[in-house]
Amino acid sequence: MIKKPSVDILAKIKEQYENEGKNKPPNILFYADWGIGKTTLAMTLPKPILLQEFDPGGHRLREVNDLAKSGDLTVDTRWQSQYQMTPTEIYNKWSVDYRKMKSSGVFDQIAEQGGYYVMDSFTLFQKLMIGAVMDRKDKISTHDGSGEFTTLTRRGYGVQHTAVDFVIRDLLGLPCGVMIIAHMEELQDSKGNTLGFEPLITGAKLRKQLPVLFEEIYIMQRIGKKRRLYLEPYGLYNAKSHLISLHPEKIKPMYDVSEKGSFSFERDIINKTKIQITKE
């Protein structure tokens, strides 16, 4: 005979449901083509911002420099390509440092001020992870026998997939808002027809599963000299937003972000929702 759960357990479950997500800004997966202005737009998130920059050169943008000088932004460039360190060394060092920041309350401090942690980009970050889990024994000779190269085995892909899932879930569990930036990949059939667009990450299964972990997925498109941000599905762009379903009168399904100041994550989304994603 199955015992009924006690009233205390039900009360705790109810309390967790009612309080979950009330004070935490939304976690966002944001992806677009190279050089379209993802990092610049991310700087319109609520401050303070901790930016961990994995892409070379992203920290040199004017908007990034201006925010850093004002004290609203902390830029961490230690994880960019370092020729004196292997990908394994860089990733392992990042992992240790990340745990230290969690235990020392860095992310709690950002959360208290309503700020964001930004990873730019996950595409480059994943390359470090792949290097860290690569089985160095799995070497394949070139067709002419002149050399060999390393590749991931099926087991290696499984390890990498598990590692990515663990890291993303851990990041999304931070007390502050989190934005993960990724580059975009165009998917084509055998005839060259465009089938859609997905985050540029390694592993077909991982590309399908990563978006499931996010309630907010925003995609930016270049249209000539203009740029457009999608919060809901549009054509082949599979964006999504739970915030729109909660606040349809406050948030648009798409924004023109071509001109400076025409859009702000803080002004046009975060402040308008006052962030109760899960409940009203």
C-alpha atoms as a PDB file:
ATOM      1  CA  MET A   1       0.000   0.000   0.000  1.00  0.00           C
ATOM      2  CA  ILE A   2       1.397   3.397  -1.020  1.00  0.00           C
ATOM      3  CA  LYS A   3       1.360   5.960   1.734  1.00  0.00           C
ATOM      4  CA  LYS A   4       0.028   9.414   1.011  1.00  0.00           C
ATOM      5  CA  PRO A   5       2.608  12.215   1.212  1.00  0.00           C
ATOM      6  CA  SER A   6       2.530  14.156   4.452  1.00  0.00           C
ATOM      7  CA  VAL A   7       1.053  17.634   4.605  1.00  0.00           C
ATOM      8  CA  ASP A   8       4.520  19.035   5.358  1.00  0.00           C
ATOM      9  CA  ILE A   9       5.964  17.626   2.132  1.00  0.00           C
ATOM     10  CA  LEU A  10       3.061  18.959   0.085  1.00  0.00           C
ATOM     11  CA  ALA A  11       3.426  22.359   1.742  1.00  0.00           C
ATOM     12  CA  LYS A  12       7.132  22.496   0.876  1.00  0.00           C
ATOM     13  CA  ILE A  13       6.435  21.519  -2.731  1.00  0.00           C
ATOM     14  CA  LYS A  14       3.768  24.209  -2.959  1.00  0.00           C
ATOM     15  CA  GLU A  15       6.078  26.834  -1.433  1.00  0.00           C
ATOM     16  CA  GLN A  16       8.853  25.969  -3.874  1.00  0.00           C
ATOM     17  CA  TYR A  17       6.434  26.231  -6.806  1.00  0.00           C
ATOM     18  CA  GLU A  18       5.128  29.609  -5.664  1.00  0.00           C
ATOM     19  CA  ASN A  19       8.574  31.082  -5.062  1.00  0.00           C
ATOM     20  CA  GLU A  20      10.491  29.583  -7.967  1.00  0.00           C
ATOM     21  CA  GLY A  21      11.756  32.169 -10.418  1.00  0.00           C
ATOM     22  CA  LYS A  22      10.122  35.172  -8.772  1.00  0.00           C
ATOM     23  CA  ASN A  23      13.276  37.165  -8.156  1.00  0.00           C
ATOM     24  CA  LYS A  24      15.584  35.746 -10.798  1.00  0.00           C
ATOM     25  CA  PRO A  25      15.942  37.422 -14.200  1.00  0.00           C
ATOM     26  CA  PRO A  26      15.296  35.091 -17.140  1.00  0.00           C
ATOM     27  CA  ASN A  27      18.032  32.835 -18.455  1.00  0.00           C
ATOM     28  CA  ILE A  28      18.579  33.491 -22.171  1.00  0.00           C
ATOM     29  CA  LEU A  29      20.132  31.564 -25.045  1.00  0.00           C
ATOM     30  CA  PHE A  30      21.040  34.173 -27.649  1.00  0.00           C
ATOM     31  CA  TYR A  31      22.505  33.246 -31.025  1.00  0.00           C
ATOM     32  CA  ALA A  32      23.172  34.847 -34.397  1.00  0.00           C
ATOM     33  CA  ASP A  33      25.745  35.043 -37.200  1.00  0.00           C
ATOM     34  CA  TRP A  34      29.357  36.051 -36.631  1.00  0.00           C
ATOM     35  CA  GLY A  35      29.976  39.781 -36.356  1.00  0.00           C
ATOM     36  CA  ILE A  36      26.325  40.835 -36.226  1.00  0.00           C
ATOM     37  CA  GLY A  37      26.563  42.532 -32.825  1.00  0.00           C
ATOM     38  CA  LYS A  38      25.588  39.884 -30.269  1.00  0.00           C
ATOM     39  CA  THR A  39      28.080  41.066 -27.650  1.00  0.00           C
ATOM     40  CA  THR A  40      27.127  44.711 -28.142  1.00  0.00           C
ATOM     41  CA  LEU A  41      23.438  43.954 -27.670  1.00  0.00           C
ATOM     42  CA  ALA A  42      24.186  41.810 -24.622  1.00  0.00           C
ATOM     43  CA  MET A  43      25.648  44.899 -22.977  1.00  0.00           C
ATOM     44  CA  THR A  44      22.077  46.260 -22.669  1.00  0.00           C
ATOM     45  CA  LEU A  45      21.287  43.622 -20.030  1.00  0.00           C
ATOM     46  CA  PRO A  46      20.721  44.768 -16.436  1.00  0.00           C
ATOM     47  CA  LYS A  47      23.916  45.736 -14.662  1.00  0.00           C
ATOM     48  CA  PRO A  48      26.262  44.704 -13.198  1.00  0.00           C
ATOM     49  CA  ILE A  49      27.426  42.274 -15.863  1.00  0.00           C
ATOM     50  CA  LEU A  50      30.175  39.678 -15.560  1.00  0.00           C
ATOM     51  CA  LEU A  51      31.303  38.871 -19.101  1.00  0.00           C
ATOM     52  CA  GLN A  52      33.470  35.802 -19.618  1.00  0.00           C
ATOM     53  CA  GLU A  53      34.863  36.367 -23.081  1.00  0.00           C
ATOM     54  CA  PHE A  54      36.032  33.275 -24.982  1.00  0.00           C
ATOM     55  CA  ASP A  55      35.873  34.832 -28.461  1.00  0.00           C
ATOM     56  CA  PRO A  56      39.018  36.730 -29.459  1.00  0.00           C
ATOM     57  CA  GLY A  57      38.511  40.465 -29.790  1.00  0.00           C
ATOM     58  CA  GLY A  58      35.046  40.689 -28.241  1.00  0.00           C
ATOM     59  CA  HIS A  59      36.342  42.678 -25.279  1.00  0.00           C
ATOM     60  CA  ARG A  60      37.690  45.408 -27.591  1.00  0.00           C
ATOM     61  CA  LEU A  61      34.253  46.647 -28.639  1.00  0.00           C
ATOM     62  CA  ARG A  62      33.527  50.280 -27.751  1.00  0.00           C
ATOM     63  CA  GLU A  63      30.368  49.438 -25.797  1.00  0.00           C
ATOM     64  CA  VAL A  64      32.282  46.857 -23.787  1.00  0.00           C
ATOM     65  CA  ASN A  65      35.109  49.266 -23.027  1.00  0.00           C
ATOM     66  CA  ASP A  66      32.723  52.056 -22.021  1.00  0.00           C
ATOM     67  CA  LEU A  67      30.824  49.816 -19.606  1.00  0.00           C
ATOM     68  CA  ALA A  68      34.028  48.425 -18.151  1.00  0.00           C
ATOM     69  CA  LYS A  69      35.287  51.949 -17.451  1.00  0.00           C
ATOM     70  CA  SER A  70      32.009  52.866 -15.755  1.00  0.00           C
ATOM     71  CA  GLY A  71      32.281  49.928 -13.380  1.00  0.00           C
ATOM     72  CA  ASP A  72      29.030  48.324 -14.608  1.00  0.00           C
ATOM     73  CA  LEU A  73      30.902  45.537 -16.404  1.00  0.00           C
ATOM     74  CA  THR A  74      33.632  43.113 -15.393  1.00  0.00           C
ATOM     75  CA  VAL A  75      35.342  41.514 -18.398  1.00  0.00           C
ATOM     76  CA  ASP A  76      37.136  38.215 -17.905  1.00  0.00           C
ATOM     77  CA  THR A  77      39.392  37.498 -20.897  1.00  0.00           C
ATOM     78  CA  ARG A  78      41.594  34.849 -19.284  1.00  0.00           C
ATOM     79  CA  TRP A  79      39.904  32.092 -21.295  1.00  0.00           C
ATOM     80  CA  GLN A  80      40.570  33.380 -24.776  1.00  0.00           C
ATOM     81  CA  SER A  81      42.954  31.430 -26.987  1.00  0.00           C
ATOM     82  CA  GLN A  82      46.255  31.219 -25.191  1.00  0.00           C
ATOM     83  CA  TYR A  83      49.019  29.657 -27.255  1.00  0.00           C
ATOM     84  CA  GLN A  84      51.006  28.799 -24.153  1.00  0.00           C
ATOM     85  CA  MET A  85      48.146  26.680 -22.771  1.00  0.00           C
ATOM     86  CA  THR A  86      46.337  23.659 -24.214  1.00  0.00           C
ATOM     87  CA  PRO A  87      42.512  23.611 -24.442  1.00  0.00           C
ATOM     88  CA  THR A  88      42.521  21.036 -21.637  1.00  0.00           C
ATOM     89  CA  GLU A  89      44.547  23.330 -19.392  1.00  0.00           C
ATOM     90  CA  ILE A  90      42.326  26.336 -20.160  1.00  0.00           C
ATOM     91  CA  TYR A  91      39.093  24.422 -19.517  1.00  0.00           C
ATOM     92  CA  ASN A  92      40.360  22.823 -16.303  1.00  0.00           C
ATOM     93  CA  LYS A  93      41.545  26.212 -15.055  1.00  0.00           C
ATOM     94  CA  TRP A  94      38.156  27.756 -15.902  1.00  0.00           C
ATOM     95  CA  SER A  95      36.345  24.942 -14.081  1.00  0.00           C
ATOM     96  CA  VAL A  96      38.367  25.454 -10.894  1.00  0.00           C
ATOM     97  CA  ASP A  97      37.957  29.226 -11.056  1.00  0.00           C
ATOM     98  CA  TYR A  98      34.186  28.924 -11.662  1.00  0.00           C
ATOM     99  CA  ARG A  99      33.758  26.790  -8.541  1.00  0.00           C
ATOM    100  CA  LYS A 100      35.763  29.310  -6.529  1.00  0.00           C
ATOM    101  CA  MET A 101      33.548  32.170  -7.733  1.00  0.00           C
ATOM    102  CA  LYS A 102      30.436  30.213  -6.768  1.00  0.00           C
ATOM    103  CA  SER A 103      31.693  29.377  -3.289  1.00  0.00           C
ATOM    104  CA  SER A 104      32.942  32.913  -2.646  1.00  0.00           C
ATOM    105  CA  GLY A 105      29.571  34.479  -3.460  1.00  0.00           C
ATOM    106  CA  VAL A 106      30.455  36.287  -6.701  1.00  0.00           C
ATOM    107  CA  PHE A 107      27.218  35.273  -8.416  1.00  0.00           C
ATOM    108  CA  ASP A 108      25.175  35.995  -5.285  1.00  0.00           C
ATOM    109  CA  GLN A 109      26.547  39.535  -5.315  1.00  0.00           C
ATOM    110  CA  ILE A 110      25.534  39.958  -8.966  1.00  0.00           C
ATOM    111  CA  ALA A 111      22.075  38.576  -8.151  1.00  0.00           C
ATOM    112  CA  GLU A 112      21.558  40.990  -5.277  1.00  0.00           C
ATOM    113  CA  GLN A 113      21.974  43.858  -7.729  1.00  0.00           C
ATOM    114  CA  GLY A 114      19.782  42.263 -10.399  1.00  0.00           C
ATOM    115  CA  GLY A 115      22.678  41.731 -12.799  1.00  0.00           C
ATOM    116  CA  TYR A 116      23.776  39.117 -15.318  1.00  0.00           C
ATOM    117  CA  TYR A 117      26.482  36.585 -16.046  1.00  0.00           C
ATOM    118  CA  VAL A 118      27.261  36.384 -19.790  1.00  0.00           C
ATOM    119  CA  MET A 119      29.243  33.657 -21.554  1.00  0.00           C
ATOM    120  CA  ASP A 120      30.511  34.767 -24.985  1.00  0.00           C
ATOM    121  CA  SER A 121      30.530  32.470 -26.733  1.00  0.00           C
ATOM    122  CA  PHE A 122      29.450  28.954 -25.921  1.00  0.00           C
ATOM    123  CA  THR A 123      30.589  27.957 -29.406  1.00  0.00           C
ATOM    124  CA  LEU A 124      34.219  28.661 -28.486  1.00  0.00           C
ATOM    125  CA  PHE A 125      33.774  27.432 -24.914  1.00  0.00           C
ATOM    126  CA  GLN A 126      32.625  24.047 -26.193  1.00  0.00           C
ATOM    127  CA  LYS A 127      35.788  23.713 -28.253  1.00  0.00           C
ATOM    128  CA  LEU A 128      37.752  23.915 -25.011  1.00  0.00           C
ATOM    129  CA  MET A 129      35.511  21.248 -23.494  1.00  0.00           C
ATOM    130  CA  ILE A 130      36.064  18.977 -26.495  1.00  0.00           C
ATOM    131  CA  GLY A 131      39.805  19.414 -26.101  1.00  0.00           C
ATOM    132  CA  ALA A 132      39.501  18.513 -22.422  1.00  0.00           C
ATOM    133  CA  VAL A 133      37.634  15.240 -23.052  1.00  0.00           C
ATOM    134  CA  MET A 134      39.468  14.229 -26.224  1.00  0.00           C
ATOM    135  CA  ASP A 135      40.893  10.723 -26.069  1.00  0.00           C
ATOM    136  CA  ARG A 136      44.458  11.293 -27.222  1.00  0.00           C
ATOM    137  CA  LYS A 137      44.830   7.613 -28.090  1.00  0.00           C
ATOM    138  CA  ASP A 138      42.216   7.868 -30.826  1.00  0.00           C
ATOM    139  CA  LYS A 139      44.404   8.954 -33.721  1.00  0.00           C
ATOM    140  CA  ILE A 140      43.532   8.384 -37.365  1.00  0.00           C
ATOM    141  CA  SER A 141      46.170   8.327 -40.080  1.00  0.00           C
ATOM    142  CA  THR A 142      45.813  10.584 -43.093  1.00  0.00           C
ATOM    143  CA  HIS A 143      44.979   8.889 -46.387  1.00  0.00           C
ATOM    144  CA  ASP A 144      48.519   9.272 -47.722  1.00  0.00           C
ATOM    145  CA  GLY A 145      50.193   8.149 -44.516  1.00  0.00           C
ATOM    146  CA  SER A 146      51.986  11.485 -44.082  1.00  0.00           C
ATOM    147  CA  GLY A 147      50.580  12.123 -40.625  1.00  0.00           C
ATOM    148  CA  GLU A 148      47.690  11.595 -38.256  1.00  0.00           C
ATOM    149  CA  PHE A 149      44.997  13.597 -36.522  1.00  0.00           C
ATOM    150  CA  THR A 150      42.954  13.197 -33.370  1.00  0.00           C
ATOM    151  CA  THR A 151      39.214  12.641 -33.377  1.00  0.00           C
ATOM    152  CA  LEU A 152      36.527  12.028 -30.802  1.00  0.00           C
ATOM    153  CA  THR A 153      35.330   8.450 -30.480  1.00  0.00           C
ATOM    154  CA  ARG A 154      31.674   7.623 -29.828  1.00  0.00           C
ATOM    155  CA  ARG A 155      32.572   7.345 -26.152  1.00  0.00           C
ATOM    156  CA  GLY A 156      34.294  10.726 -26.328  1.00  0.00           C
ATOM    157  CA  TYR A 157      31.195  12.358 -27.792  1.00  0.00           C
ATOM    158  CA  GLY A 158      29.130  10.851 -24.995  1.00  0.00           C
ATOM    159  CA  VAL A 159      31.486  12.246 -22.363  1.00  0.00           C
ATOM    160  CA  GLN A 160      31.488  15.656 -24.033  1.00  0.00           C
ATOM    161  CA  HIS A 161      27.685  15.656 -24.253  1.00  0.00           C
ATOM    162  CA  THR A 162      27.370  14.815 -20.564  1.00  0.00           C
ATOM    163  CA  ALA A 163      29.914  17.489 -19.633  1.00  0.00           C
ATOM    164  CA  VAL A 164      28.081  20.170 -21.645  1.00  0.00           C
ATOM    165  CA  ASP A 165      24.741  19.219 -20.111  1.00  0.00           C
ATOM    166  CA  PHE A 166      26.201  19.390 -16.609  1.00  0.00           C
ATOM    167  CA  VAL A 167      27.881  22.769 -17.147  1.00  0.00           C
ATOM    168  CA  ILE A 168      24.809  24.378 -18.743  1.00  0.00           C
ATOM    169  CA  ARG A 169      22.481  23.131 -16.015  1.00  0.00           C
ATOM    170  CA  ASP A 170      24.896  24.419 -13.390  1.00  0.00           C
ATOM    171  CA  LEU A 171      25.116  27.843 -15.057  1.00  0.00           C
ATOM    172  CA  LEU A 172      21.321  28.098 -15.365  1.00  0.00           C
ATOM    173  CA  GLY A 173      21.059  27.334 -11.664  1.00  0.00           C
ATOM    174  CA  LEU A 174      23.060  30.427 -10.704  1.00  0.00           C
ATOM    175  CA  PRO A 175      21.126  32.950  -8.589  1.00  0.00           C
ATOM    176  CA  CYS A 176      21.740  35.769 -11.084  1.00  0.00           C
ATOM    177  CA  GLY A 177      20.468  36.133 -14.630  1.00  0.00           C
ATOM    178  CA  VAL A 178      22.413  34.142 -17.229  1.00  0.00           C
ATOM    179  CA  MET A 179      22.869  34.765 -20.942  1.00  0.00           C
ATOM    180  CA  ILE A 180      24.638  32.167 -23.070  1.00  0.00           C
ATOM    181  CA  ILE A 181      25.717  33.550 -26.451  1.00  0.00           C
ATOM    182  CA  ALA A 182      26.380  31.223 -29.375  1.00  0.00           C
ATOM    183  CA  HIS A 183      27.179  31.595 -33.048  1.00  0.00           C
ATOM    184  CA  MET A 184      24.626  30.368 -35.577  1.00  0.00           C
ATOM    185  CA  GLU A 185      24.755  27.537 -38.095  1.00  0.00           C
ATOM    186  CA  GLU A 186      22.645  27.298 -41.261  1.00  0.00           C
ATOM    187  CA  LEU A 187      21.299  23.797 -41.821  1.00  0.00           C
ATOM    188  CA  GLN A 188      20.967  22.652 -45.450  1.00  0.00           C
ATOM    189  CA  ASP A 189      19.702  19.580 -47.240  1.00  0.00           C
ATOM    190  CA  SER A 190      21.656  17.685 -49.892  1.00  0.00           C
ATOM    191  CA  LYS A 191      20.498  20.157 -52.561  1.00  0.00           C
ATOM    192  CA  GLY A 192      21.674  23.216 -50.650  1.00  0.00           C
ATOM    193  CA  ASN A 193      18.203  24.319 -49.524  1.00  0.00           C
ATOM    194  CA  THR A 194      18.102  26.018 -46.132  1.00  0.00           C
ATOM    195  CA  LEU A 195      16.253  23.922 -43.558  1.00  0.00           C
ATOM    196  CA  GLY A 196      16.682  26.170 -40.552  1.00  0.00           C
ATOM    197  CA  PHE A 197      19.151  27.739 -38.150  1.00  0.00           C
ATOM    198  CA  GLU A 198      20.583  26.306 -34.930  1.00  0.00           C
ATOM    199  CA  PRO A 199      23.286  27.220 -32.403  1.00  0.00           C
ATOM    200  CA  LEU A 200      26.737  26.430 -33.783  1.00  0.00           C
ATOM    201  CA  ILE A 201      27.818  23.640 -31.457  1.00  0.00           C
ATOM    202  CA  THR A 202      29.257  20.187 -32.030  1.00  0.00           C
ATOM    203  CA  GLY A 203      26.877  17.233 -31.977  1.00  0.00           C
ATOM    204  CA  ALA A 204      23.502  16.997 -33.718  1.00  0.00           C
ATOM    205  CA  LYS A 205      21.792  15.606 -30.625  1.00  0.00           C
ATOM    206  CA  LEU A 206      23.288  18.334 -28.458  1.00  0.00           C
ATOM    207  CA  ARG A 207      22.075  21.057 -30.844  1.00  0.00           C
ATOM    208  CA  LYS A 208      18.551  19.706 -30.435  1.00  0.00           C
ATOM    209  CA  GLN A 209      18.702  19.286 -26.666  1.00  0.00           C
ATOM    210  CA  LEU A 210      20.477  22.497 -25.634  1.00  0.00           C
ATOM    211  CA  PRO A 211      17.523  24.833 -26.409  1.00  0.00           C
ATOM    212  CA  VAL A 212      15.216  22.658 -24.291  1.00  0.00           C
ATOM    213  CA  LEU A 213      17.081  23.825 -21.182  1.00  0.00           C
ATOM    214  CA  PHE A 214      16.167  27.476 -21.819  1.00  0.00           C
ATOM    215  CA  GLU A 215      12.821  29.208 -21.428  1.00  0.00           C
ATOM    216  CA  GLU A 216      14.035  32.179 -23.458  1.00  0.00           C
ATOM    217  CA  ILE A 217      15.731  31.727 -26.858  1.00  0.00           C
ATOM    218  CA  TYR A 218      16.408  34.881 -28.852  1.00  0.00           C
ATOM    219  CA  ILE A 219      17.772  34.921 -32.395  1.00  0.00           C
ATOM    220  CA  MET A 220      19.131  37.909 -34.315  1.00  0.00           C
ATOM    221  CA  GLN A 221      19.041  38.172 -38.125  1.00  0.00           C
ATOM    222  CA  ARG A 222      20.842  40.517 -40.485  1.00  0.00           C
ATOM    223  CA  ILE A 223      18.586  42.007 -43.186  1.00  0.00           C
ATOM    224  CA  GLY A 224      20.794  44.111 -45.423  1.00  0.00           C
ATOM    225  CA  LYS A 225      22.201  46.785 -43.133  1.00  0.00           C
ATOM    226  CA  LYS A 226      19.467  46.226 -40.566  1.00  0.00           C
ATOM    227  CA  ARG A 227      19.226  43.742 -37.710  1.00  0.00           C
ATOM    228  CA  ARG A 228      16.142  42.118 -36.273  1.00  0.00           C
ATOM    229  CA  LEU A 229      15.735  40.287 -32.963  1.00  0.00           C
ATOM    230  CA  TYR A 230      13.200  37.454 -32.752  1.00  0.00           C
ATOM    231  CA  LEU A 231      11.584  36.320 -29.514  1.00  0.00           C
ATOM    232  CA  GLU A 232       9.063  33.993 -31.166  1.00  0.00           C
ATOM    233  CA  PRO A 233       9.295  31.592 -34.142  1.00  0.00           C
ATOM    234  CA  TYR A 234       9.568  33.387 -37.460  1.00  0.00           C
ATOM    235  CA  GLY A 235      10.169  31.521 -40.703  1.00  0.00           C
ATOM    236  CA  LEU A 236      13.194  29.306 -40.169  1.00  0.00           C
ATOM    237  CA  TYR A 237      14.191  31.053 -36.916  1.00  0.00           C
ATOM    238  CA  ASN A 238      12.988  28.952 -33.993  1.00  0.00           C
ATOM    239  CA  ALA A 239      13.042  31.500 -31.174  1.00  0.00           C
ATOM    240  CA  LYS A 240      10.798  31.155 -28.139  1.00  0.00           C
ATOM    241  CA  SER A 241       9.774  33.179 -25.088  1.00  0.00           C
ATOM    242  CA  HIS A 242       7.726  32.257 -22.046  1.00  0.00           C
ATOM    243  CA  LEU A 243       7.776  35.923 -21.097  1.00  0.00           C
ATOM    244  CA  ILE A 244       5.616  36.815 -24.101  1.00  0.00           C
ATOM    245  CA  SER A 245       2.957  34.324 -23.032  1.00  0.00           C
ATOM    246  CA  LEU A 246       2.912  35.955 -19.606  1.00  0.00           C
ATOM    247  CA  HIS A 247       3.136  39.565 -20.809  1.00  0.00           C
ATOM    248  CA  PRO A 248       1.796  39.711 -24.396  1.00  0.00           C
ATOM    249  CA  GLU A 249       0.775  43.329 -23.925  1.00  0.00           C
ATOM    250  CA  LYS A 250       4.286  44.378 -22.875  1.00  0.00           C
ATOM    251  CA  ILE A 251       6.693  42.425 -25.073  1.00  0.00           C
ATOM    252  CA  LYS A 252       6.853  42.249 -28.857  1.00  0.00           C
ATOM    253  CA  PRO A 253       7.618  39.054 -30.809  1.00  0.00           C
ATOM    254  CA  MET A 254      10.355  40.900 -32.733  1.00  0.00           C
ATOM    255  CA  TYR A 255      12.399  44.102 -32.451  1.00  0.00           C
ATOM    256  CA  ASP A 256      14.349  46.252 -34.874  1.00  0.00           C
ATOM    257  CA  VAL A 257      17.759  46.597 -33.215  1.00  0.00           C
ATOM    258  CA  SER A 258      19.559  48.355 -36.080  1.00  0.00           C
ATOM    259  CA  GLU A 259      20.103  51.727 -34.438  1.00  0.00           C
ATOM    260  CA  LYS A 260      21.940  52.295 -31.196  1.00  0.00           C
ATOM    261  CA  GLY A 261      19.452  52.722 -28.370  1.00  0.00           C
ATOM    262  CA  SER A 262      16.550  51.319 -30.386  1.00  0.00           C
ATOM    263  CA  PHE A 263      16.426  48.259 -28.136  1.00  0.00           C
ATOM    264  CA  SER A 264      17.582  47.338 -24.648  1.00  0.00           C
ATOM    265  CA  PHE A 265      17.202  43.971 -22.919  1.00  0.00           C
ATOM    266  CA  GLU A 266      16.870  45.796 -19.613  1.00  0.00           C
ATOM    267  CA  ARG A 267      14.413  48.483 -20.754  1.00  0.00           C
ATOM    268  CA  ASP A 268      12.281  46.552 -23.237  1.00  0.00           C
ATOM    269  CA  ILE A 269      12.106  43.117 -21.615  1.00  0.00           C
ATOM    270  CA  ILE A 270      13.439  42.774 -18.074  1.00  0.00           C
ATOM    271  CA  ASN A 271      11.966  45.934 -16.555  1.00  0.00           C
ATOM    272  CA  LYS A 272       8.630  45.430 -18.302  1.00  0.00           C
ATOM    273  CA  THR A 273       8.130  41.954 -16.890  1.00  0.00           C
ATOM    274  CA  LYS A 274       9.612  42.438 -13.417  1.00  0.00           C
ATOM    275  CA  ILE A 275      10.547  38.974 -13.870  1.00  0.00           C
ATOM    276  CA  GLN A 276       8.026  36.548 -12.616  1.00  0.00           C
ATOM    277  CA  ILE A 277       8.573  34.007 -15.341  1.00  0.00           C
ATOM    278  CA  THR A 278       6.874  31.056 -13.706  1.00  0.00           C
ATOM    279  CA  LYS A 279       3.940  32.712 -11.978  1.00  0.00           C
ATOM    280  CA  GLU A 280       1.966  35.941 -11.849  1.00  0.00           C
END
